[in-house]
């Protein structure tokens, strides 16, 4: 799993727990729905930490809470 995949999976988990659609996440976070849908697109590789922070702000969670998840602990090193 890539870092981007882990970030997307984590947002999907949180939204599912809260019965929240991507548009709702965008509205709560002050970003455009296209930004959220672009993040969810498997073809897009990079994500901005600023966008992740805005989405976390909208969900009223800290970056620490967001990244405190087994998906991130299990990631392999990017530098090989």
C-alpha atoms as a PDB file:
ATOM      1  CA  UNK A   1       0.000   0.000   0.000  1.00  0.00           C
ATOM      2  CA  UNK A   2       1.268   3.452  -0.881  1.00  0.00           C
ATOM      3  CA  UNK A   3       1.079   6.496   1.379  1.00  0.00           C
ATOM      4  CA  UNK A   4      -1.585   7.986  -0.880  1.00  0.00           C
ATOM      5  CA  UNK A   5      -3.626   4.767  -0.713  1.00  0.00           C
ATOM      6  CA  UNK A   6      -3.378   4.799   3.080  1.00  0.00           C
ATOM      7  CA  UNK A   7      -4.545   8.441   3.267  1.00  0.00           C
ATOM      8  CA  UNK A   8      -7.508   7.752   0.980  1.00  0.00           C
ATOM      9  CA  UNK A   9      -8.417   4.605   2.899  1.00  0.00           C
ATOM     10  CA  UNK A  10      -8.284   6.494   6.191  1.00  0.00           C
ATOM     11  CA  UNK A  11     -10.582   9.254   4.920  1.00  0.00           C
ATOM     12  CA  UNK A  12     -12.962   6.634   3.547  1.00  0.00           C
ATOM     13  CA  UNK A  13     -13.034   4.861   6.930  1.00  0.00           C
ATOM     14  CA  UNK A  14     -13.765   8.058   8.837  1.00  0.00           C
ATOM     15  CA  UNK A  15     -16.469   9.110   6.383  1.00  0.00           C
ATOM     16  CA  UNK A  16     -18.070   5.652   6.539  1.00  0.00           C
ATOM     17  CA  UNK A  17     -18.072   5.758  10.350  1.00  0.00           C
ATOM     18  CA  UNK A  18     -19.876   9.099  10.173  1.00  0.00           C
ATOM     19  CA  UNK A  19     -22.143   8.155   7.231  1.00  0.00           C
ATOM     20  CA  UNK A  20     -20.634  11.067   5.338  1.00  0.00           C
ATOM     21  CA  UNK A  21     -20.403  11.521   1.571  1.00  0.00           C
ATOM     22  CA  UNK A  22     -17.396  13.140  -0.168  1.00  0.00           C
ATOM     23  CA  UNK A  23     -19.436  16.291  -0.877  1.00  0.00           C
ATOM     24  CA  UNK A  24     -20.214  16.654   2.830  1.00  0.00           C
ATOM     25  CA  UNK A  25     -16.539  16.285   3.693  1.00  0.00           C
ATOM     26  CA  UNK A  26     -15.683  18.991   1.166  1.00  0.00           C
ATOM     27  CA  UNK A  27     -18.336  21.365   2.509  1.00  0.00           C
ATOM     28  CA  UNK A  28     -17.253  20.892   6.127  1.00  0.00           C
ATOM     29  CA  UNK A  29     -13.615  21.399   5.184  1.00  0.00           C
ATOM     30  CA  UNK A  30     -13.922  24.458   2.994  1.00  0.00           C
ATOM     31  CA  UNK A  31     -12.475  22.737  -0.064  1.00  0.00           C
ATOM     32  CA  UNK A  32     -14.159  22.127  -3.379  1.00  0.00           C
ATOM     33  CA  UNK A  33     -15.865  18.781  -4.005  1.00  0.00           C
ATOM     34  CA  UNK A  34     -13.537  18.345  -6.993  1.00  0.00           C
ATOM     35  CA  UNK A  35     -10.574  18.451  -4.589  1.00  0.00           C
ATOM     36  CA  UNK A  36     -12.013  15.587  -2.547  1.00  0.00           C
ATOM     37  CA  UNK A  37     -12.976  13.551  -5.618  1.00  0.00           C
ATOM     38  CA  UNK A  38      -9.526  14.164  -7.100  1.00  0.00           C
ATOM     39  CA  UNK A  39      -7.942  12.858  -3.899  1.00  0.00           C
ATOM     40  CA  UNK A  40     -10.072   9.720  -4.134  1.00  0.00           C
ATOM     41  CA  UNK A  41      -8.991   9.154  -7.753  1.00  0.00           C
ATOM     42  CA  UNK A  42      -6.509   6.293  -7.929  1.00  0.00           C
ATOM     43  CA  UNK A  43      -4.698   7.941 -10.869  1.00  0.00           C
ATOM     44  CA  UNK A  44      -3.680  10.976  -8.819  1.00  0.00           C
ATOM     45  CA  UNK A  45      -0.468  10.253  -6.983  1.00  0.00           C
ATOM     46  CA  UNK A  46       0.421  13.173  -4.727  1.00  0.00           C
ATOM     47  CA  UNK A  47      -1.612  14.793  -1.989  1.00  0.00           C
ATOM     48  CA  UNK A  48      -0.959  18.085  -0.297  1.00  0.00           C
ATOM     49  CA  UNK A  49      -0.489  18.023   3.474  1.00  0.00           C
ATOM     50  CA  UNK A  50      -2.387  21.334   3.520  1.00  0.00           C
ATOM     51  CA  UNK A  51      -5.394  19.615   1.916  1.00  0.00           C
ATOM     52  CA  UNK A  52      -5.145  16.729   4.387  1.00  0.00           C
ATOM     53  CA  UNK A  53      -5.059  19.274   7.248  1.00  0.00           C
ATOM     54  CA  UNK A  54      -8.133  21.108   5.910  1.00  0.00           C
ATOM     55  CA  UNK A  55     -10.040  17.826   5.635  1.00  0.00           C
ATOM     56  CA  UNK A  56      -9.017  16.897   9.173  1.00  0.00           C
ATOM     57  CA  UNK A  57     -10.135  20.334  10.377  1.00  0.00           C
ATOM     58  CA  UNK A  58     -13.514  19.743   8.761  1.00  0.00           C
ATOM     59  CA  UNK A  59     -13.763  16.391  10.529  1.00  0.00           C
ATOM     60  CA  UNK A  60     -12.651  18.073  13.774  1.00  0.00           C
ATOM     61  CA  UNK A  61      -9.709  15.719  14.249  1.00  0.00           C
ATOM     62  CA  UNK A  62      -6.015  16.481  14.557  1.00  0.00           C
ATOM     63  CA  UNK A  63      -3.374  15.298  12.136  1.00  0.00           C
ATOM     64  CA  UNK A  64      -2.092  13.094  14.958  1.00  0.00           C
ATOM     65  CA  UNK A  65      -5.479  11.413  15.296  1.00  0.00           C
ATOM     66  CA  UNK A  66      -5.704  10.983  11.538  1.00  0.00           C
ATOM     67  CA  UNK A  67      -2.282   9.372  11.196  1.00  0.00           C
ATOM     68  CA  UNK A  68      -2.632   7.225  14.355  1.00  0.00           C
ATOM     69  CA  UNK A  69      -3.867   4.275  12.343  1.00  0.00           C
ATOM     70  CA  UNK A  70      -2.482   0.821  11.527  1.00  0.00           C
ATOM     71  CA  UNK A  71      -2.444   1.642   7.790  1.00  0.00           C
ATOM     72  CA  UNK A  72       0.327   4.144   8.363  1.00  0.00           C
ATOM     73  CA  UNK A  73       2.307   1.944  10.751  1.00  0.00           C
ATOM     74  CA  UNK A  74       2.433  -0.827   8.148  1.00  0.00           C
ATOM     75  CA  UNK A  75       3.777   1.304   5.285  1.00  0.00           C
ATOM     76  CA  UNK A  76       7.096   0.348   3.755  1.00  0.00           C
ATOM     77  CA  UNK A  77       9.898   2.859   3.383  1.00  0.00           C
ATOM     78  CA  UNK A  78       9.644   5.066   0.317  1.00  0.00           C
ATOM     79  CA  UNK A  79      13.424   5.198  -0.117  1.00  0.00           C
ATOM     80  CA  UNK A  80      14.844   1.884  -1.249  1.00  0.00           C
END
